[in-house]
Amino acid sequence: MATGIGEEILKRVLCYRVYSRIGAKRLEDIVREEIAAFGNVSVGLIAVSEDEAVAASNTNMAYAVEYF
């Protein structure tokens, strides 16, 4: 799930990019790298794989993650 500047998120296929990389690295590393690529464009992600859950943003955004 992504939030922020929707046009940029869609244009850069952010969710797909994260999804396609799951398993290649730790999910947290993938999410942080993809968010960093947005620079000053506000974006936040909540990503979940079979055994990881991550929430991160590049601006002050409220989010919650249940760790399992």
PDB file of N, CA and C in Angstrom:
ATOM      1  N   MET A   1       0.849  -1.155   0.000  1.00  0.00           N
ATOM      2  CA  MET A   1       0.000   0.000   0.000  1.00  0.00           C
ATOM      3  C   MET A   1       0.902   1.228   0.000  1.00  0.00           C
ATOM      4  N   ALA A   2       0.536   2.187  -0.829  1.00  0.00           N
ATOM      5  CA  ALA A   2       1.317   3.416  -0.919  1.00  0.00           C
ATOM      6  C   ALA A   2       0.408   4.617  -0.704  1.00  0.00           C
ATOM      7  N   THR A   3       1.000   5.686  -0.198  1.00  0.00           N
ATOM      8  CA  THR A   3       0.285   6.945  -0.038  1.00  0.00           C
ATOM      9  C   THR A   3       1.244   8.083  -0.339  1.00  0.00           C
ATOM     10  N   GLY A   4       0.685   9.225  -0.651  1.00  0.00           N
ATOM     11  CA  GLY A   4       1.518  10.385  -0.963  1.00  0.00           C
ATOM     12  C   GLY A   4       1.036  11.050  -2.230  1.00  0.00           C
ATOM     13  N   ILE A   5       1.962  11.452  -3.074  1.00  0.00           N
ATOM     14  CA  ILE A   5       1.642  12.099  -4.345  1.00  0.00           C
ATOM     15  C   ILE A   5       1.314  10.993  -5.356  1.00  0.00           C
ATOM     16  N   GLY A   6       0.011  10.707  -5.489  1.00  0.00           N
ATOM     17  CA  GLY A   6      -0.447   9.564  -6.279  1.00  0.00           C
ATOM     18  C   GLY A   6       0.034   9.529  -7.705  1.00  0.00           C
ATOM     19  N   GLU A   7       0.081  10.669  -8.363  1.00  0.00           N
ATOM     20  CA  GLU A   7       0.518  10.700  -9.752  1.00  0.00           C
ATOM     21  C   GLU A   7       1.948  10.179  -9.892  1.00  0.00           C
ATOM     22  N   GLU A   8       2.810  10.584  -8.986  1.00  0.00           N
ATOM     23  CA  GLU A   8       4.200  10.123  -9.038  1.00  0.00           C
ATOM     24  C   GLU A   8       4.306   8.641  -8.663  1.00  0.00           C
ATOM     25  N   ILE A   9       3.531   8.221  -7.683  1.00  0.00           N
ATOM     26  CA  ILE A   9       3.541   6.813  -7.270  1.00  0.00           C
ATOM     27  C   ILE A   9       3.135   5.933  -8.445  1.00  0.00           C
ATOM     28  N   LEU A  10       2.073   6.317  -9.150  1.00  0.00           N
ATOM     29  CA  LEU A  10       1.611   5.541 -10.301  1.00  0.00           C
ATOM     30  C   LEU A  10       2.598   5.604 -11.454  1.00  0.00           C
ATOM     31  N   LYS A  11       3.081   6.787 -11.750  1.00  0.00           N
ATOM     32  CA  LYS A  11       4.004   6.965 -12.868  1.00  0.00           C
ATOM     33  C   LYS A  11       5.264   6.114 -12.685  1.00  0.00           C
ATOM     34  N   ARG A  12       5.709   6.002 -11.463  1.00  0.00           N
ATOM     35  CA  ARG A  12       6.943   5.250 -11.191  1.00  0.00           C
ATOM     36  C   ARG A  12       6.672   3.807 -10.768  1.00  0.00           C
ATOM     37  N   VAL A  13       5.455   3.360 -10.858  1.00  0.00           N
ATOM     38  CA  VAL A  13       5.000   2.004 -10.502  1.00  0.00           C
ATOM     39  C   VAL A  13       5.649   1.502  -9.202  1.00  0.00           C
ATOM     40  N   LEU A  14       5.535   2.319  -8.180  1.00  0.00           N
ATOM     41  CA  LEU A  14       6.203   2.050  -6.905  1.00  0.00           C
ATOM     42  C   LEU A  14       5.830   0.701  -6.304  1.00  0.00           C
ATOM     43  N   CYS A  15       4.547   0.424  -6.197  1.00  0.00           N
ATOM     44  CA  CYS A  15       4.130  -0.832  -5.562  1.00  0.00           C
ATOM     45  C   CYS A  15       4.643  -2.037  -6.343  1.00  0.00           C
ATOM     46  N   TYR A  16       4.581  -1.969  -7.655  1.00  0.00           N
ATOM     47  CA  TYR A  16       5.099  -3.062  -8.475  1.00  0.00           C
ATOM     48  C   TYR A  16       6.595  -3.238  -8.258  1.00  0.00           C
ATOM     49  N   ARG A  17       7.320  -2.138  -8.203  1.00  0.00           N
ATOM     50  CA  ARG A  17       8.768  -2.222  -8.025  1.00  0.00           C
ATOM     51  C   ARG A  17       9.125  -2.914  -6.707  1.00  0.00           C
ATOM     52  N   VAL A  18       8.413  -2.565  -5.635  1.00  0.00           N
ATOM     53  CA  VAL A  18       8.657  -3.222  -4.348  1.00  0.00           C
ATOM     54  C   VAL A  18       8.297  -4.694  -4.450  1.00  0.00           C
ATOM     55  N   TYR A  19       7.108  -4.990  -4.958  1.00  0.00           N
ATOM     56  CA  TYR A  19       6.637  -6.374  -5.061  1.00  0.00           C
ATOM     57  C   TYR A  19       7.599  -7.236  -5.871  1.00  0.00           C
ATOM     58  N   SER A  20       8.085  -6.705  -6.975  1.00  0.00           N
ATOM     59  CA  SER A  20       8.950  -7.495  -7.851  1.00  0.00           C
ATOM     60  C   SER A  20      10.308  -7.800  -7.224  1.00  0.00           C
ATOM     61  N   ARG A  21      10.682  -7.068  -6.189  1.00  0.00           N
ATOM     62  CA  ARG A  21      11.991  -7.273  -5.548  1.00  0.00           C
ATOM     63  C   ARG A  21      11.914  -8.120  -4.280  1.00  0.00           C
ATOM     64  N   ILE A  22      10.701  -8.440  -3.826  1.00  0.00           N
ATOM     65  CA  ILE A  22      10.563  -9.225  -2.593  1.00  0.00           C
ATOM     66  C   ILE A  22      11.305 -10.545  -2.750  1.00  0.00           C
ATOM     67  N   GLY A  23      12.096 -10.867  -1.759  1.00  0.00           N
ATOM     68  CA  GLY A  23      12.893 -12.089  -1.772  1.00  0.00           C
ATOM     69  C   GLY A  23      14.335 -11.857  -2.183  1.00  0.00           C
ATOM     70  N   ALA A  24      14.597 -10.744  -2.855  1.00  0.00           N
ATOM     71  CA  ALA A  24      15.963 -10.450  -3.287  1.00  0.00           C
ATOM     72  C   ALA A  24      16.802  -9.864  -2.155  1.00  0.00           C
ATOM     73  N   LYS A  25      16.147  -9.180  -1.227  1.00  0.00           N
ATOM     74  CA  LYS A  25      16.796  -8.528  -0.084  1.00  0.00           C
ATOM     75  C   LYS A  25      15.807  -8.511   1.063  1.00  0.00           C
ATOM     76  N   ARG A  26      16.248  -7.942   2.188  1.00  0.00           N
ATOM     77  CA  ARG A  26      15.309  -7.707   3.286  1.00  0.00           C
ATOM     78  C   ARG A  26      14.264  -6.706   2.801  1.00  0.00           C
ATOM     79  N   LEU A  27      13.022  -6.924   3.185  1.00  0.00           N
ATOM     80  CA  LEU A  27      11.935  -6.054   2.757  1.00  0.00           C
ATOM     81  C   LEU A  27      12.174  -4.609   3.184  1.00  0.00           C
ATOM     82  N   GLU A  28      12.697  -4.409   4.377  1.00  0.00           N
ATOM     83  CA  GLU A  28      12.968  -3.048   4.844  1.00  0.00           C
ATOM     84  C   GLU A  28      13.958  -2.331   3.932  1.00  0.00           C
ATOM     85  N   ASP A  29      14.986  -3.024   3.488  1.00  0.00           N
ATOM     86  CA  ASP A  29      15.964  -2.419   2.582  1.00  0.00           C
ATOM     87  C   ASP A  29      15.319  -2.045   1.252  1.00  0.00           C
ATOM     88  N   ILE A  30      14.482  -2.919   0.729  1.00  0.00           N
ATOM     89  CA  ILE A  30      13.801  -2.648  -0.542  1.00  0.00           C
ATOM     90  C   ILE A  30      12.927  -1.403  -0.409  1.00  0.00           C
ATOM     91  N   VAL A  31      12.111  -1.353   0.644  1.00  0.00           N
ATOM     92  CA  VAL A  31      11.200  -0.230   0.851  1.00  0.00           C
ATOM     93  C   VAL A  31      11.974   1.067   0.991  1.00  0.00           C
ATOM     94  N   ARG A  32      13.008   1.070   1.792  1.00  0.00           N
ATOM     95  CA  ARG A  32      13.782   2.303   1.993  1.00  0.00           C
ATOM     96  C   ARG A  32      14.470   2.760   0.701  1.00  0.00           C
ATOM     97  N   GLU A  33      14.991   1.841  -0.084  1.00  0.00           N
ATOM     98  CA  GLU A  33      15.621   2.202  -1.355  1.00  0.00           C
ATOM     99  C   GLU A  33      14.610   2.797  -2.328  1.00  0.00           C
ATOM    100  N   GLU A  34      13.443   2.194  -2.415  1.00  0.00           N
ATOM    101  CA  GLU A  34      12.426   2.688  -3.347  1.00  0.00           C
ATOM    102  C   GLU A  34      11.896   4.054  -2.912  1.00  0.00           C
ATOM    103  N   ILE A  35      11.712   4.253  -1.619  1.00  0.00           N
ATOM    104  CA  ILE A  35      11.267   5.556  -1.125  1.00  0.00           C
ATOM    105  C   ILE A  35      12.339   6.615  -1.370  1.00  0.00           C
ATOM    106  N   ALA A  36      13.589   6.270  -1.155  1.00  0.00           N
ATOM    107  CA  ALA A  36      14.688   7.222  -1.363  1.00  0.00           C
ATOM    108  C   ALA A  36      14.740   7.719  -2.802  1.00  0.00           C
ATOM    109  N   ALA A  37      14.325   6.896  -3.740  1.00  0.00           N
ATOM    110  CA  ALA A  37      14.344   7.279  -5.150  1.00  0.00           C
ATOM    111  C   ALA A  37      13.366   8.413  -5.461  1.00  0.00           C
ATOM    112  N   PHE A  38      12.431   8.711  -4.551  1.00  0.00           N
ATOM    113  CA  PHE A  38      11.456   9.763  -4.770  1.00  0.00           C
ATOM    114  C   PHE A  38      11.962  11.135  -4.339  1.00  0.00           C
ATOM    115  N   GLY A  39      13.096  11.204  -3.696  1.00  0.00           N
ATOM    116  CA  GLY A  39      13.655  12.492  -3.287  1.00  0.00           C
ATOM    117  C   GLY A  39      12.693  13.291  -2.441  1.00  0.00           C
ATOM    118  N   ASN A  40      12.312  14.485  -2.888  1.00  0.00           N
ATOM    119  CA  ASN A  40      11.430  15.371  -2.129  1.00  0.00           C
ATOM    120  C   ASN A  40       9.944  15.136  -2.370  1.00  0.00           C
ATOM    121  N   VAL A  41       9.588  14.162  -3.178  1.00  0.00           N
ATOM    122  CA  VAL A  41       8.181  13.845  -3.433  1.00  0.00           C
ATOM    123  C   VAL A  41       7.667  13.005  -2.261  1.00  0.00           C
ATOM    124  N   SER A  42       6.633  13.481  -1.584  1.00  0.00           N
ATOM    125  CA  SER A  42       6.105  12.783  -0.404  1.00  0.00           C
ATOM    126  C   SER A  42       5.556  11.411  -0.773  1.00  0.00           C
ATOM    127  N   VAL A  43       6.050  10.400  -0.080  1.00  0.00           N
ATOM    128  CA  VAL A  43       5.580   9.038  -0.318  1.00  0.00           C
ATOM    129  C   VAL A  43       5.744   8.205   0.948  1.00  0.00           C
ATOM    130  N   GLY A  44       4.814   7.294   1.155  1.00  0.00           N
ATOM    131  CA  GLY A  44       4.888   6.371   2.266  1.00  0.00           C
ATOM    132  C   GLY A  44       4.451   4.994   1.807  1.00  0.00           C
ATOM    133  N   LEU A  45       4.992   3.960   2.424  1.00  0.00           N
ATOM    134  CA  LEU A  45       4.674   2.583   2.045  1.00  0.00           C
ATOM    135  C   LEU A  45       4.420   1.724   3.265  1.00  0.00           C
ATOM    136  N   ILE A  46       3.506   0.803   3.118  1.00  0.00           N
ATOM    137  CA  ILE A  46       3.358  -0.323   4.031  1.00  0.00           C
ATOM    138  C   ILE A  46       3.488  -1.552   3.147  1.00  0.00           C
ATOM    139  N   ALA A  47       4.469  -2.386   3.427  1.00  0.00           N
ATOM    140  CA  ALA A  47       4.724  -3.575   2.619  1.00  0.00           C
ATOM    141  C   ALA A  47       4.744  -4.809   3.510  1.00  0.00           C
ATOM    142  N   VAL A  48       4.163  -5.887   3.008  1.00  0.00           N
ATOM    143  CA  VAL A  48       4.068  -7.132   3.770  1.00  0.00           C
ATOM    144  C   VAL A  48       4.458  -8.289   2.863  1.00  0.00           C
ATOM    145  N   SER A  49       5.344  -9.139   3.364  1.00  0.00           N
ATOM    146  CA  SER A  49       5.683 -10.379   2.659  1.00  0.00           C
ATOM    147  C   SER A  49       5.256 -11.538   3.555  1.00  0.00           C
ATOM    148  N   GLU A  50       5.636 -12.729   3.194  1.00  0.00           N
ATOM    149  CA  GLU A  50       5.252 -13.887   4.003  1.00  0.00           C
ATOM    150  C   GLU A  50       5.777 -13.816   5.424  1.00  0.00           C
ATOM    151  N   ASP A  51       6.961 -13.218   5.619  1.00  0.00           N
ATOM    152  CA  ASP A  51       7.525 -13.198   6.965  1.00  0.00           C
ATOM    153  C   ASP A  51       8.075 -11.841   7.398  1.00  0.00           C
ATOM    154  N   GLU A  52       7.745 -10.776   6.688  1.00  0.00           N
ATOM    155  CA  GLU A  52       8.191  -9.435   7.074  1.00  0.00           C
ATOM    156  C   GLU A  52       7.066  -8.427   6.877  1.00  0.00           C
ATOM    157  N   ALA A  53       7.107  -7.373   7.675  1.00  0.00           N
ATOM    158  CA  ALA A  53       6.186  -6.240   7.515  1.00  0.00           C
ATOM    159  C   ALA A  53       6.976  -4.966   7.787  1.00  0.00           C
ATOM    160  N   VAL A  54       6.803  -3.968   6.916  1.00  0.00           N
ATOM    161  CA  VAL A  54       7.571  -2.736   7.016  1.00  0.00           C
ATOM    162  C   VAL A  54       6.663  -1.555   6.709  1.00  0.00           C
ATOM    163  N   ALA A  55       6.834  -0.480   7.448  1.00  0.00           N
ATOM    164  CA  ALA A  55       6.178   0.789   7.147  1.00  0.00           C
ATOM    165  C   ALA A  55       7.253   1.867   7.173  1.00  0.00           C
ATOM    166  N   ALA A  56       7.248   2.728   6.173  1.00  0.00           N
ATOM    167  CA  ALA A  56       8.248   3.793   6.109  1.00  0.00           C
ATOM    168  C   ALA A  56       7.721   4.917   5.221  1.00  0.00           C
ATOM    169  N   SER A  57       8.263   6.111   5.439  1.00  0.00           N
ATOM    170  CA  SER A  57       7.911   7.259   4.603  1.00  0.00           C
ATOM    171  C   SER A  57       9.091   8.223   4.567  1.00  0.00           C
ATOM    172  N   ASN A  58       9.046   9.153   3.623  1.00  0.00           N
ATOM    173  CA  ASN A  58      10.113  10.144   3.554  1.00  0.00           C
ATOM    174  C   ASN A  58       9.660  11.502   4.097  1.00  0.00           C
ATOM    175  N   THR A  59       8.461  11.558   4.659  1.00  0.00           N
ATOM    176  CA  THR A  59       7.948  12.741   5.340  1.00  0.00           C
ATOM    177  C   THR A  59       7.217  12.281   6.594  1.00  0.00           C
ATOM    178  N   ASN A  60       6.737  13.203   7.377  1.00  0.00           N
ATOM    179  CA  ASN A  60       5.994  12.828   8.575  1.00  0.00           C
ATOM    180  C   ASN A  60       4.613  12.332   8.191  1.00  0.00           C
ATOM    181  N   MET A  61       4.427  11.041   8.250  1.00  0.00           N
ATOM    182  CA  MET A  61       3.144  10.404   7.961  1.00  0.00           C
ATOM    183  C   MET A  61       2.859   9.411   9.070  1.00  0.00           C
ATOM    184  N   ALA A  62       1.627   9.376   9.481  1.00  0.00           N
ATOM    185  CA  ALA A  62       1.240   8.402  10.511  1.00  0.00           C
ATOM    186  C   ALA A  62       1.049   7.033   9.858  1.00  0.00           C
ATOM    187  N   TYR A  63       1.506   6.000  10.526  1.00  0.00           N
ATOM    188  CA  TYR A  63       1.284   4.635  10.055  1.00  0.00           C
ATOM    189  C   TYR A  63       1.428   3.691  11.229  1.00  0.00           C
ATOM    190  N   ALA A  64       0.932   2.489  11.059  1.00  0.00           N
ATOM    191  CA  ALA A  64       1.033   1.468  12.097  1.00  0.00           C
ATOM    192  C   ALA A  64       1.353   0.143  11.453  1.00  0.00           C
ATOM    193  N   VAL A  65       2.130  -0.658  12.129  1.00  0.00           N
ATOM    194  CA  VAL A  65       2.470  -1.991  11.649  1.00  0.00           C
ATOM    195  C   VAL A  65       2.317  -2.957  12.812  1.00  0.00           C
ATOM    196  N   GLU A  66       1.675  -4.066  12.556  1.00  0.00           N
ATOM    197  CA  GLU A  66       1.601  -5.120  13.572  1.00  0.00           C
ATOM    198  C   GLU A  66       2.717  -6.104  13.261  1.00  0.00           C
ATOM    199  N   TYR A  67       3.644  -6.232  14.161  1.00  0.00           N
ATOM    200  CA  TYR A  67       4.756  -7.152  13.957  1.00  0.00           C
ATOM    201  C   TYR A  67       4.333  -8.537  14.384  1.00  0.00           C
ATOM    202  N   PHE A  68       4.671  -9.505  13.569  1.00  0.00           N
ATOM    203  CA  PHE A  68       4.274 -10.891  13.856  1.00  0.00           C
ATOM    204  C   PHE A  68       5.473 -11.775  13.959  1.00  0.00           C
TER     205      PHE A  68
END
